[in-house]
Amino acid sequence: MKRAYCWRCRKFIVVIEDVDWDEFDKLYKDSIEQVKKYREDTGSALNDAPVKKLFAPVYRFYEDRGGDSTVGHNEFYRHGERRFGPTCLACGKNFRTSEASFCAECGYRPGAK
């Protein structure tokens, strides 16, 4: 289990590691299809679909890895390991991306004097 600082959630979260990504991605996409099917079958609006129930496999997957299931299902997809940059040496939070040249949380720039 790896942790990273999510700037969207404003807290440290459990990331979905690259080795687990394909399994997670399949569960996520299957859940989306379940929501679409439910809406087609019932004619209901997205707000009326039992999204939490239809995304139950995704929530279980994240919980099994130590994740906080109170995060919305759309956030899970943003918690993939590859979406986070390195850990900042100054504050311990993550750079927002692997291409970031500074820490958006504290302003630290590696190599800056």
PDB file of N, CA and C in Angstrom:
ATOM      1  N   MET A   1       0.847  -1.181   0.000  1.00  0.00           N
ATOM      2  CA  MET A   1       0.000   0.000   0.000  1.00  0.00           C
ATOM      3  C   MET A   1       0.888   1.237   0.000  1.00  0.00           C
ATOM      4  N   LYS A   2       0.689   2.089  -0.978  1.00  0.00           N
ATOM      5  CA  LYS A   2       1.426   3.344  -1.066  1.00  0.00           C
ATOM      6  C   LYS A   2       0.463   4.482  -0.770  1.00  0.00           C
ATOM      7  N   ARG A   3       1.019   5.531  -0.209  1.00  0.00           N
ATOM      8  CA  ARG A   3       0.217   6.708   0.106  1.00  0.00           C
ATOM      9  C   ARG A   3       0.802   7.905  -0.637  1.00  0.00           C
ATOM     10  N   ALA A   4      -0.052   8.841  -0.916  1.00  0.00           N
ATOM     11  CA  ALA A   4       0.378  10.088  -1.554  1.00  0.00           C
ATOM     12  C   ALA A   4      -0.555  11.194  -1.089  1.00  0.00           C
ATOM     13  N   TYR A   5      -0.098  12.421  -1.241  1.00  0.00           N
ATOM     14  CA  TYR A   5      -0.932  13.557  -0.888  1.00  0.00           C
ATOM     15  C   TYR A   5      -1.739  13.963  -2.116  1.00  0.00           C
ATOM     16  N   CYS A   6      -3.058  13.918  -1.979  1.00  0.00           N
ATOM     17  CA  CYS A   6      -3.945  14.325  -3.065  1.00  0.00           C
ATOM     18  C   CYS A   6      -4.333  15.786  -2.866  1.00  0.00           C
ATOM     19  N   TRP A   7      -3.935  16.618  -3.785  1.00  0.00           N
ATOM     20  CA  TRP A   7      -4.227  18.045  -3.650  1.00  0.00           C
ATOM     21  C   TRP A   7      -5.713  18.333  -3.855  1.00  0.00           C
ATOM     22  N   ARG A   8      -6.422  17.466  -4.546  1.00  0.00           N
ATOM     23  CA  ARG A   8      -7.862  17.662  -4.714  1.00  0.00           C
ATOM     24  C   ARG A   8      -8.619  17.354  -3.427  1.00  0.00           C
ATOM     25  N   CYS A   9      -8.239  16.228  -2.786  1.00  0.00           N
ATOM     26  CA  CYS A   9      -8.902  15.802  -1.546  1.00  0.00           C
ATOM     27  C   CYS A   9      -8.344  16.529  -0.324  1.00  0.00           C
ATOM     28  N   ARG A  10      -7.182  17.161  -0.483  1.00  0.00           N
ATOM     29  CA  ARG A  10      -6.503  17.879   0.605  1.00  0.00           C
ATOM     30  C   ARG A  10      -6.126  16.961   1.763  1.00  0.00           C
ATOM     31  N   LYS A  11      -5.694  15.725   1.417  1.00  0.00           N
ATOM     32  CA  LYS A  11      -5.262  14.794   2.454  1.00  0.00           C
ATOM     33  C   LYS A  11      -4.424  13.689   1.821  1.00  0.00           C
ATOM     34  N   PHE A  12      -3.742  12.940   2.675  1.00  0.00           N
ATOM     35  CA  PHE A  12      -3.009  11.778   2.212  1.00  0.00           C
ATOM     36  C   PHE A  12      -4.008  10.654   1.959  1.00  0.00           C
ATOM     37  N   ILE A  13      -3.829   9.976   0.844  1.00  0.00           N
ATOM     38  CA  ILE A  13      -4.738   8.908   0.437  1.00  0.00           C
ATOM     39  C   ILE A  13      -3.932   7.663   0.056  1.00  0.00           C
ATOM     40  N   VAL A  14      -4.603   6.550  -0.055  1.00  0.00           N
ATOM     41  CA  VAL A  14      -3.992   5.335  -0.577  1.00  0.00           C
ATOM     42  C   VAL A  14      -4.085   5.415  -2.100  1.00  0.00           C
ATOM     43  N   VAL A  15      -2.957   5.210  -2.767  1.00  0.00           N
ATOM     44  CA  VAL A  15      -2.973   5.243  -4.234  1.00  0.00           C
ATOM     45  C   VAL A  15      -3.206   3.841  -4.778  1.00  0.00           C
ATOM     46  N   ILE A  16      -3.771   3.792  -5.956  1.00  0.00           N
ATOM     47  CA  ILE A  16      -3.941   2.522  -6.649  1.00  0.00           C
ATOM     48  C   ILE A  16      -2.654   2.298  -7.422  1.00  0.00           C
ATOM     49  N   GLU A  17      -1.915   1.300  -6.979  1.00  0.00           N
ATOM     50  CA  GLU A  17      -0.596   1.051  -7.547  1.00  0.00           C
ATOM     51  C   GLU A  17      -0.687   0.574  -8.988  1.00  0.00           C
ATOM     52  N   ASP A  18       0.369   0.854  -9.738  1.00  0.00           N
ATOM     53  CA  ASP A  18       0.399   0.482 -11.153  1.00  0.00           C
ATOM     54  C   ASP A  18       0.139  -1.002 -11.368  1.00  0.00           C
ATOM     55  N   VAL A  19       0.640  -1.856 -10.473  1.00  0.00           N
ATOM     56  CA  VAL A  19       0.446  -3.306 -10.636  1.00  0.00           C
ATOM     57  C   VAL A  19      -1.025  -3.705 -10.501  1.00  0.00           C
ATOM     58  N   ASP A  20      -1.829  -2.879  -9.844  1.00  0.00           N
ATOM     59  CA  ASP A  20      -3.257  -3.156  -9.654  1.00  0.00           C
ATOM     60  C   ASP A  20      -4.146  -2.389 -10.633  1.00  0.00           C
ATOM     61  N   TRP A  21      -3.545  -1.512 -11.426  1.00  0.00           N
ATOM     62  CA  TRP A  21      -4.342  -0.592 -12.228  1.00  0.00           C
ATOM     63  C   TRP A  21      -5.261  -1.297 -13.222  1.00  0.00           C
ATOM     64  N   ASP A  22      -4.768  -2.291 -13.938  1.00  0.00           N
ATOM     65  CA  ASP A  22      -5.599  -2.953 -14.949  1.00  0.00           C
ATOM     66  C   ASP A  22      -6.838  -3.584 -14.335  1.00  0.00           C
ATOM     67  N   GLU A  23      -6.668  -4.221 -13.176  1.00  0.00           N
ATOM     68  CA  GLU A  23      -7.815  -4.820 -12.483  1.00  0.00           C
ATOM     69  C   GLU A  23      -8.806  -3.740 -12.046  1.00  0.00           C
ATOM     70  N   PHE A  24      -8.277  -2.657 -11.468  1.00  0.00           N
ATOM     71  CA  PHE A  24      -9.131  -1.553 -11.044  1.00  0.00           C
ATOM     72  C   PHE A  24      -9.868  -0.947 -12.229  1.00  0.00           C
ATOM     73  N   ASP A  25      -9.134  -0.696 -13.314  1.00  0.00           N
ATOM     74  CA  ASP A  25      -9.698  -0.064 -14.502  1.00  0.00           C
ATOM     75  C   ASP A  25     -10.859  -0.881 -15.055  1.00  0.00           C
ATOM     76  N   LYS A  26     -10.711  -2.193 -15.079  1.00  0.00           N
ATOM     77  CA  LYS A  26     -11.787  -3.059 -15.559  1.00  0.00           C
ATOM     78  C   LYS A  26     -13.017  -2.959 -14.650  1.00  0.00           C
ATOM     79  N   LEU A  27     -12.808  -3.015 -13.340  1.00  0.00           N
ATOM     80  CA  LEU A  27     -13.933  -2.889 -12.405  1.00  0.00           C
ATOM     81  C   LEU A  27     -14.639  -1.546 -12.577  1.00  0.00           C
ATOM     82  N   TYR A  28     -13.860  -0.489 -12.722  1.00  0.00           N
ATOM     83  CA  TYR A  28     -14.414   0.856 -12.869  1.00  0.00           C
ATOM     84  C   TYR A  28     -15.262   0.954 -14.149  1.00  0.00           C
ATOM     85  N   LYS A  29     -14.690   0.479 -15.241  1.00  0.00           N
ATOM     86  CA  LYS A  29     -15.412   0.557 -16.515  1.00  0.00           C
ATOM     87  C   LYS A  29     -16.645  -0.339 -16.517  1.00  0.00           C
ATOM     88  N   ASP A  30     -16.555  -1.510 -15.883  1.00  0.00           N
ATOM     89  CA  ASP A  30     -17.734  -2.379 -15.743  1.00  0.00           C
ATOM     90  C   ASP A  30     -18.831  -1.682 -14.944  1.00  0.00           C
ATOM     91  N   SER A  31     -18.439  -0.956 -13.908  1.00  0.00           N
ATOM     92  CA  SER A  31     -19.418  -0.232 -13.083  1.00  0.00           C
ATOM     93  C   SER A  31     -20.092   0.874 -13.876  1.00  0.00           C
ATOM     94  N   ILE A  32     -19.325   1.561 -14.703  1.00  0.00           N
ATOM     95  CA  ILE A  32     -19.918   2.590 -15.564  1.00  0.00           C
ATOM     96  C   ILE A  32     -20.959   1.966 -16.485  1.00  0.00           C
ATOM     97  N   GLU A  33     -20.627   0.808 -17.046  1.00  0.00           N
ATOM     98  CA  GLU A  33     -21.579   0.116 -17.922  1.00  0.00           C
ATOM     99  C   GLU A  33     -22.831  -0.297 -17.152  1.00  0.00           C
ATOM    100  N   GLN A  34     -22.675  -0.694 -15.896  1.00  0.00           N
ATOM    101  CA  GLN A  34     -23.826  -1.060 -15.057  1.00  0.00           C
ATOM    102  C   GLN A  34     -24.740   0.145 -14.832  1.00  0.00           C
ATOM    103  N   VAL A  35     -24.136   1.311 -14.615  1.00  0.00           N
ATOM    104  CA  VAL A  35     -24.925   2.531 -14.432  1.00  0.00           C
ATOM    105  C   VAL A  35     -25.675   2.858 -15.724  1.00  0.00           C
ATOM    106  N   LYS A  36     -24.995   2.765 -16.853  1.00  0.00           N
ATOM    107  CA  LYS A  36     -25.642   3.034 -18.146  1.00  0.00           C
ATOM    108  C   LYS A  36     -26.807   2.080 -18.380  1.00  0.00           C
ATOM    109  N   LYS A  37     -26.576   0.794 -18.104  1.00  0.00           N
ATOM    110  CA  LYS A  37     -27.628  -0.210 -18.291  1.00  0.00           C
ATOM    111  C   LYS A  37     -28.823   0.069 -17.380  1.00  0.00           C
ATOM    112  N   TYR A  38     -28.543   0.404 -16.126  1.00  0.00           N
ATOM    113  CA  TYR A  38     -29.619   0.721 -15.184  1.00  0.00           C
ATOM    114  C   TYR A  38     -30.454   1.894 -15.710  1.00  0.00           C
ATOM    115  N   ARG A  39     -29.770   2.907 -16.186  1.00  0.00           N
ATOM    116  CA  ARG A  39     -30.485   4.086 -16.682  1.00  0.00           C
ATOM    117  C   ARG A  39     -31.306   3.761 -17.920  1.00  0.00           C
ATOM    118  N   GLU A  40     -30.747   2.942 -18.819  1.00  0.00           N
ATOM    119  CA  GLU A  40     -31.496   2.548 -20.022  1.00  0.00           C
ATOM    120  C   GLU A  40     -32.719   1.714 -19.653  1.00  0.00           C
ATOM    121  N   ASP A  41     -32.530   0.782 -18.724  1.00  0.00           N
ATOM    122  CA  ASP A  41     -33.620  -0.116 -18.326  1.00  0.00           C
ATOM    123  C   ASP A  41     -34.738   0.606 -17.584  1.00  0.00           C
ATOM    124  N   THR A  42     -34.379   1.601 -16.787  1.00  0.00           N
ATOM    125  CA  THR A  42     -35.376   2.272 -15.950  1.00  0.00           C
ATOM    126  C   THR A  42     -35.792   3.640 -16.474  1.00  0.00           C
ATOM    127  N   GLY A  43     -35.011   4.206 -17.398  1.00  0.00           N
ATOM    128  CA  GLY A  43     -35.309   5.547 -17.897  1.00  0.00           C
ATOM    129  C   GLY A  43     -35.023   6.629 -16.865  1.00  0.00           C
ATOM    130  N   SER A  44     -34.234   6.290 -15.853  1.00  0.00           N
ATOM    131  CA  SER A  44     -33.975   7.241 -14.773  1.00  0.00           C
ATOM    132  C   SER A  44     -32.812   8.173 -15.099  1.00  0.00           C
ATOM    133  N   ALA A  45     -32.792   9.281 -14.400  1.00  0.00           N
ATOM    134  CA  ALA A  45     -31.693  10.239 -14.517  1.00  0.00           C
ATOM    135  C   ALA A  45     -30.493   9.711 -13.730  1.00  0.00           C
ATOM    136  N   LEU A  46     -29.337  10.239 -14.028  1.00  0.00           N
ATOM    137  CA  LEU A  46     -28.123   9.802 -13.342  1.00  0.00           C
ATOM    138  C   LEU A  46     -28.234   9.991 -11.833  1.00  0.00           C
ATOM    139  N   ASN A  47     -28.834  11.086 -11.399  1.00  0.00           N
ATOM    140  CA  ASN A  47     -28.996  11.350  -9.961  1.00  0.00           C
ATOM    141  C   ASN A  47     -29.874  10.312  -9.270  1.00  0.00           C
ATOM    142  N   ASP A  48     -30.710   9.627 -10.039  1.00  0.00           N
ATOM    143  CA  ASP A  48     -31.617   8.633  -9.456  1.00  0.00           C
ATOM    144  C   ASP A  48     -31.045   7.210  -9.474  1.00  0.00           C
ATOM    145  N   ALA A  49     -29.930   7.018 -10.153  1.00  0.00           N
ATOM    146  CA  ALA A  49     -29.325   5.685 -10.221  1.00  0.00           C
ATOM    147  C   ALA A  49     -28.612   5.372  -8.902  1.00  0.00           C
ATOM    148  N   PRO A  50     -28.681   4.119  -8.459  1.00  0.00           N
ATOM    149  CA  PRO A  50     -27.996   3.729  -7.214  1.00  0.00           C
ATOM    150  C   PRO A  50     -26.483   3.545  -7.466  1.00  0.00           C
ATOM    151  N   VAL A  51     -25.820   4.660  -7.688  1.00  0.00           N
ATOM    152  CA  VAL A  51     -24.418   4.644  -8.106  1.00  0.00           C
ATOM    153  C   VAL A  51     -23.536   3.938  -7.087  1.00  0.00           C
ATOM    154  N   LYS A  52     -23.734   4.224  -5.818  1.00  0.00           N
ATOM    155  CA  LYS A  52     -22.892   3.589  -4.799  1.00  0.00           C
ATOM    156  C   LYS A  52     -23.029   2.063  -4.861  1.00  0.00           C
ATOM    157  N   LYS A  53     -24.234   1.587  -5.056  1.00  0.00           N
ATOM    158  CA  LYS A  53     -24.466   0.135  -5.151  1.00  0.00           C
ATOM    159  C   LYS A  53     -23.832  -0.423  -6.431  1.00  0.00           C
ATOM    160  N   LEU A  54     -24.003   0.275  -7.537  1.00  0.00           N
ATOM    161  CA  LEU A  54     -23.476  -0.218  -8.805  1.00  0.00           C
ATOM    162  C   LEU A  54     -21.949  -0.142  -8.870  1.00  0.00           C
ATOM    163  N   PHE A  55     -21.357   0.725  -8.071  1.00  0.00           N
ATOM    164  CA  PHE A  55     -19.898   0.836  -7.993  1.00  0.00           C
ATOM    165  C   PHE A  55     -19.328   0.058  -6.804  1.00  0.00           C
ATOM    166  N   ALA A  56     -20.141  -0.802  -6.192  1.00  0.00           N
ATOM    167  CA  ALA A  56     -19.696  -1.560  -5.018  1.00  0.00           C
ATOM    168  C   ALA A  56     -18.385  -2.317  -5.248  1.00  0.00           C
ATOM    169  N   PRO A  57     -18.176  -2.953  -6.406  1.00  0.00           N
ATOM    170  CA  PRO A  57     -16.896  -3.644  -6.614  1.00  0.00           C
ATOM    171  C   PRO A  57     -15.696  -2.692  -6.571  1.00  0.00           C
ATOM    172  N   VAL A  58     -15.886  -1.479  -7.034  1.00  0.00           N
ATOM    173  CA  VAL A  58     -14.814  -0.478  -7.020  1.00  0.00           C
ATOM    174  C   VAL A  58     -14.529  -0.051  -5.581  1.00  0.00           C
ATOM    175  N   TYR A  59     -15.571   0.205  -4.815  1.00  0.00           N
ATOM    176  CA  TYR A  59     -15.398   0.584  -3.406  1.00  0.00           C
ATOM    177  C   TYR A  59     -14.690  -0.531  -2.632  1.00  0.00           C
ATOM    178  N   ARG A  60     -15.119  -1.787  -2.871  1.00  0.00           N
ATOM    179  CA  ARG A  60     -14.482  -2.926  -2.187  1.00  0.00           C
ATOM    180  C   ARG A  60     -13.008  -3.041  -2.550  1.00  0.00           C
ATOM    181  N   PHE A  61     -12.704  -2.882  -3.816  1.00  0.00           N
ATOM    182  CA  PHE A  61     -11.320  -2.955  -4.293  1.00  0.00           C
ATOM    183  C   PHE A  61     -10.465  -1.929  -3.549  1.00  0.00           C
ATOM    184  N   TYR A  62     -10.958  -0.705  -3.447  1.00  0.00           N
ATOM    185  CA  TYR A  62     -10.202   0.370  -2.785  1.00  0.00           C
ATOM    186  C   TYR A  62     -10.095   0.122  -1.282  1.00  0.00           C
ATOM    187  N   GLU A  63     -11.168  -0.308  -0.662  1.00  0.00           N
ATOM    188  CA  GLU A  63     -11.148  -0.614   0.776  1.00  0.00           C
ATOM    189  C   GLU A  63     -10.187  -1.759   1.082  1.00  0.00           C
ATOM    190  N   ASP A  64     -10.156  -2.775   0.231  1.00  0.00           N
ATOM    191  CA  ASP A  64      -9.263  -3.921   0.434  1.00  0.00           C
ATOM    192  C   ASP A  64      -7.793  -3.515   0.431  1.00  0.00           C
ATOM    193  N   ARG A  65      -7.494  -2.404  -0.159  1.00  0.00           N
ATOM    194  CA  ARG A  65      -6.118  -1.910  -0.206  1.00  0.00           C
ATOM    195  C   ARG A  65      -5.863  -0.827   0.842  1.00  0.00           C
ATOM    196  N   GLY A  66      -6.826  -0.677   1.753  1.00  0.00           N
ATOM    197  CA  GLY A  66      -6.655   0.272   2.851  1.00  0.00           C
ATOM    198  C   GLY A  66      -7.156   1.666   2.572  1.00  0.00           C
ATOM    199  N   GLY A  67      -7.859   1.843   1.465  1.00  0.00           N
ATOM    200  CA  GLY A  67      -8.351   3.158   1.082  1.00  0.00           C
ATOM    201  C   GLY A  67      -9.603   3.576   1.830  1.00  0.00           C
ATOM    202  N   ASP A  68      -9.843   4.859   1.837  1.00  0.00           N
ATOM    203  CA  ASP A  68     -11.001   5.469   2.492  1.00  0.00           C
ATOM    204  C   ASP A  68     -12.167   5.469   1.518  1.00  0.00           C
ATOM    205  N   SER A  69     -13.167   4.652   1.794  1.00  0.00           N
ATOM    206  CA  SER A  69     -14.283   4.518   0.858  1.00  0.00           C
ATOM    207  C   SER A  69     -15.283   5.667   0.937  1.00  0.00           C
ATOM    208  N   THR A  70     -15.018   6.661   1.770  1.00  0.00           N
ATOM    209  CA  THR A  70     -15.912   7.821   1.796  1.00  0.00           C
ATOM    210  C   THR A  70     -15.596   8.780   0.646  1.00  0.00           C
ATOM    211  N   VAL A  71     -14.479   8.534  -0.015  1.00  0.00           N
ATOM    212  CA  VAL A  71     -14.131   9.309  -1.203  1.00  0.00           C
ATOM    213  C   VAL A  71     -15.078   8.883  -2.315  1.00  0.00           C
ATOM    214  N   GLY A  72     -15.534   9.808  -3.114  1.00  0.00           N
ATOM    215  CA  GLY A  72     -16.452   9.477  -4.197  1.00  0.00           C
ATOM    216  C   GLY A  72     -15.804   8.609  -5.256  1.00  0.00           C
ATOM    217  N   HIS A  73     -16.614   7.823  -5.951  1.00  0.00           N
ATOM    218  CA  HIS A  73     -16.080   6.882  -6.936  1.00  0.00           C
ATOM    219  C   HIS A  73     -15.293   7.574  -8.048  1.00  0.00           C
ATOM    220  N   ASN A  74     -15.625   8.793  -8.393  1.00  0.00           N
ATOM    221  CA  ASN A  74     -14.858   9.512  -9.420  1.00  0.00           C
ATOM    222  C   ASN A  74     -13.456   9.857  -8.936  1.00  0.00           C
ATOM    223  N   GLU A  75     -13.299  10.053  -7.636  1.00  0.00           N
ATOM    224  CA  GLU A  75     -11.975  10.343  -7.084  1.00  0.00           C
ATOM    225  C   GLU A  75     -11.061   9.138  -7.146  1.00  0.00           C
ATOM    226  N   PHE A  76     -11.606   7.940  -7.025  1.00  0.00           N
ATOM    227  CA  PHE A  76     -10.770   6.742  -7.085  1.00  0.00           C
ATOM    228  C   PHE A  76      -9.924   6.748  -8.354  1.00  0.00           C
ATOM    229  N   TYR A  77     -10.529   7.122  -9.450  1.00  0.00           N
ATOM    230  CA  TYR A  77      -9.825   7.095 -10.734  1.00  0.00           C
ATOM    231  C   TYR A  77      -8.667   8.085 -10.747  1.00  0.00           C
ATOM    232  N   ARG A  78      -8.794   9.134  -9.982  1.00  0.00           N
ATOM    233  CA  ARG A  78      -7.717  10.142  -9.885  1.00  0.00           C
ATOM    234  C   ARG A  78      -6.620   9.719  -8.912  1.00  0.00           C
ATOM    235  N   HIS A  79      -6.816   8.623  -8.212  1.00  0.00           N
ATOM    236  CA  HIS A  79      -5.849   8.175  -7.216  1.00  0.00           C
ATOM    237  C   HIS A  79      -4.921   7.084  -7.732  1.00  0.00           C
ATOM    238  N   GLY A  80      -4.709   7.048  -9.027  1.00  0.00           N
ATOM    239  CA  GLY A  80      -3.755   6.115  -9.602  1.00  0.00           C
ATOM    240  C   GLY A  80      -2.328   6.582  -9.338  1.00  0.00           C
ATOM    241  N   GLU A  81      -1.470   5.656  -9.027  1.00  0.00           N
ATOM    242  CA  GLU A  81      -0.076   5.961  -8.679  1.00  0.00           C
ATOM    243  C   GLU A  81       0.597   6.851  -9.724  1.00  0.00           C
ATOM    244  N   ARG A  82       0.343   6.592 -10.987  1.00  0.00           N
ATOM    245  CA  ARG A  82       1.015   7.337 -12.056  1.00  0.00           C
ATOM    246  C   ARG A  82       0.577   8.795 -12.148  1.00  0.00           C
ATOM    247  N   ARG A  83      -0.478   9.148 -11.454  1.00  0.00           N
ATOM    248  CA  ARG A  83      -0.956  10.531 -11.499  1.00  0.00           C
ATOM    249  C   ARG A  83      -0.223  11.454 -10.524  1.00  0.00           C
ATOM    250  N   PHE A  84       0.584  10.886  -9.645  1.00  0.00           N
ATOM    251  CA  PHE A  84       1.260  11.685  -8.626  1.00  0.00           C
ATOM    252  C   PHE A  84       2.734  11.847  -8.944  1.00  0.00           C
ATOM    253  N   GLY A  85       3.254  13.001  -8.574  1.00  0.00           N
ATOM    254  CA  GLY A  85       4.673  13.255  -8.738  1.00  0.00           C
ATOM    255  C   GLY A  85       5.450  12.780  -7.524  1.00  0.00           C
ATOM    256  N   PRO A  86       6.732  13.088  -7.505  1.00  0.00           N
ATOM    257  CA  PRO A  86       7.570  12.649  -6.384  1.00  0.00           C
ATOM    258  C   PRO A  86       7.196  13.361  -5.082  1.00  0.00           C
ATOM    259  N   THR A  87       7.657  12.796  -3.983  1.00  0.00           N
ATOM    260  CA  THR A  87       7.412  13.398  -2.676  1.00  0.00           C
ATOM    261  C   THR A  87       8.338  14.600  -2.505  1.00  0.00           C
ATOM    262  N   CYS A  88       7.787  15.700  -2.032  1.00  0.00           N
ATOM    263  CA  CYS A  88       8.554  16.922  -1.791  1.00  0.00           C
ATOM    264  C   CYS A  88       9.503  16.698  -0.611  1.00  0.00           C
ATOM    265  N   LEU A  89      10.754  17.083  -0.779  1.00  0.00           N
ATOM    266  CA  LEU A  89      11.743  16.936   0.286  1.00  0.00           C
ATOM    267  C   LEU A  89      11.532  17.947   1.413  1.00  0.00           C
ATOM    268  N   ALA A  90      10.796  19.015   1.143  1.00  0.00           N
ATOM    269  CA  ALA A  90      10.581  20.054   2.153  1.00  0.00           C
ATOM    270  C   ALA A  90       9.345  19.798   3.020  1.00  0.00           C
ATOM    271  N   CYS A  91       8.214  19.453   2.393  1.00  0.00           N
ATOM    272  CA  CYS A  91       6.963  19.330   3.168  1.00  0.00           C
ATOM    273  C   CYS A  91       6.426  17.906   3.243  1.00  0.00           C
ATOM    274  N   GLY A  92       6.924  16.993   2.419  1.00  0.00           N
ATOM    275  CA  GLY A  92       6.468  15.611   2.451  1.00  0.00           C
ATOM    276  C   GLY A  92       5.225  15.325   1.630  1.00  0.00           C
ATOM    277  N   LYS A  93       4.663  16.348   1.003  1.00  0.00           N
ATOM    278  CA  LYS A  93       3.508  16.137   0.135  1.00  0.00           C
ATOM    279  C   LYS A  93       4.025  15.876  -1.275  1.00  0.00           C
ATOM    280  N   ASN A  94       3.150  15.429  -2.144  1.00  0.00           N
ATOM    281  CA  ASN A  94       3.586  15.083  -3.490  1.00  0.00           C
ATOM    282  C   ASN A  94       3.490  16.258  -4.436  1.00  0.00           C
ATOM    283  N   PHE A  95       4.433  16.282  -5.387  1.00  0.00           N
ATOM    284  CA  PHE A  95       4.296  17.201  -6.507  1.00  0.00           C
ATOM    285  C   PHE A  95       3.022  16.775  -7.231  1.00  0.00           C
ATOM    286  N   ARG A  96       2.373  17.690  -7.892  1.00  0.00           N
ATOM    287  CA  ARG A  96       1.081  17.358  -8.503  1.00  0.00           C
ATOM    288  C   ARG A  96       1.207  16.403  -9.682  1.00  0.00           C
ATOM    289  N   THR A  97       2.320  16.467 -10.382  1.00  0.00           N
ATOM    290  CA  THR A  97       2.565  15.543 -11.496  1.00  0.00           C
ATOM    291  C   THR A  97       4.038  15.167 -11.509  1.00  0.00           C
ATOM    292  N   SER A  98       4.364  14.158 -12.276  1.00  0.00           N
ATOM    293  CA  SER A  98       5.769  13.759 -12.387  1.00  0.00           C
ATOM    294  C   SER A  98       6.579  14.785 -13.175  1.00  0.00           C
ATOM    295  N   GLU A  99       5.932  15.649 -13.938  1.00  0.00           N
ATOM    296  CA  GLU A  99       6.622  16.682 -14.716  1.00  0.00           C
ATOM    297  C   GLU A  99       6.753  18.010 -13.957  1.00  0.00           C
ATOM    298  N   ALA A 100       6.118  18.131 -12.799  1.00  0.00           N
ATOM    299  CA  ALA A 100       6.139  19.393 -12.041  1.00  0.00           C
ATOM    300  C   ALA A 100       7.568  19.758 -11.640  1.00  0.00           C
ATOM    301  N   SER A 101       7.884  21.042 -11.729  1.00  0.00           N
ATOM    302  CA  SER A 101       9.233  21.504 -11.393  1.00  0.00           C
ATOM    303  C   SER A 101       9.314  22.067  -9.981  1.00  0.00           C
ATOM    304  N   PHE A 102       8.165  22.177  -9.311  1.00  0.00           N
ATOM    305  CA  PHE A 102       8.153  22.664  -7.932  1.00  0.00           C
ATOM    306  C   PHE A 102       6.948  22.092  -7.204  1.00  0.00           C
ATOM    307  N   CYS A 103       6.989  22.164  -5.883  1.00  0.00           N
ATOM    308  CA  CYS A 103       5.880  21.691  -5.055  1.00  0.00           C
ATOM    309  C   CYS A 103       4.837  22.802  -4.952  1.00  0.00           C
ATOM    310  N   ALA A 104       3.634  22.512  -5.396  1.00  0.00           N
ATOM    311  CA  ALA A 104       2.568  23.515  -5.363  1.00  0.00           C
ATOM    312  C   ALA A 104       2.089  23.780  -3.937  1.00  0.00           C
ATOM    313  N   GLU A 105       2.381  22.875  -3.010  1.00  0.00           N
ATOM    314  CA  GLU A 105       1.948  23.046  -1.622  1.00  0.00           C
ATOM    315  C   GLU A 105       2.840  24.010  -0.848  1.00  0.00           C
ATOM    316  N   CYS A 106       4.155  23.895  -1.032  1.00  0.00           N
ATOM    317  CA  CYS A 106       5.066  24.733  -0.224  1.00  0.00           C
ATOM    318  C   CYS A 106       6.006  25.595  -1.061  1.00  0.00           C
ATOM    319  N   GLY A 107       6.029  25.379  -2.379  1.00  0.00           N
ATOM    320  CA  GLY A 107       6.874  26.184  -3.245  1.00  0.00           C
ATOM    321  C   GLY A 107       8.305  25.669  -3.421  1.00  0.00           C
ATOM    322  N   TYR A 108       8.653  24.566  -2.791  1.00  0.00           N
ATOM    323  CA  TYR A 108      10.008  24.016  -2.885  1.00  0.00           C
ATOM    324  C   TYR A 108      10.350  23.690  -4.336  1.00  0.00           C
ATOM    325  N   ARG A 109      11.556  24.105  -4.745  1.00  0.00           N
ATOM    326  CA  ARG A 109      12.072  23.792  -6.074  1.00  0.00           C
ATOM    327  C   ARG A 109      13.372  23.026  -5.928  1.00  0.00           C
ATOM    328  N   PRO A 110      13.400  21.778  -6.374  1.00  0.00           N
ATOM    329  CA  PRO A 110      14.651  21.029  -6.279  1.00  0.00           C
ATOM    330  C   PRO A 110      15.767  21.741  -7.038  1.00  0.00           C
ATOM    331  N   GLY A 111      16.905  21.841  -6.426  1.00  0.00           N
ATOM    332  CA  GLY A 111      18.045  22.487  -7.054  1.00  0.00           C
ATOM    333  C   GLY A 111      18.072  23.999  -6.946  1.00  0.00           C
ATOM    334  N   ALA A 112      17.002  24.602  -6.422  1.00  0.00           N
ATOM    335  CA  ALA A 112      16.970  26.064  -6.271  1.00  0.00           C
ATOM    336  C   ALA A 112      17.792  26.471  -5.062  1.00  0.00           C
ATOM    337  N   LYS A 113      18.377  27.639  -5.125  1.00  0.00           N
ATOM    338  CA  LYS A 113      19.200  28.121  -3.997  1.00  0.00           C
ATOM    339  C   LYS A 113      18.468  29.144  -3.188  1.00  0.00           C
TER     340      LYS A 113
END
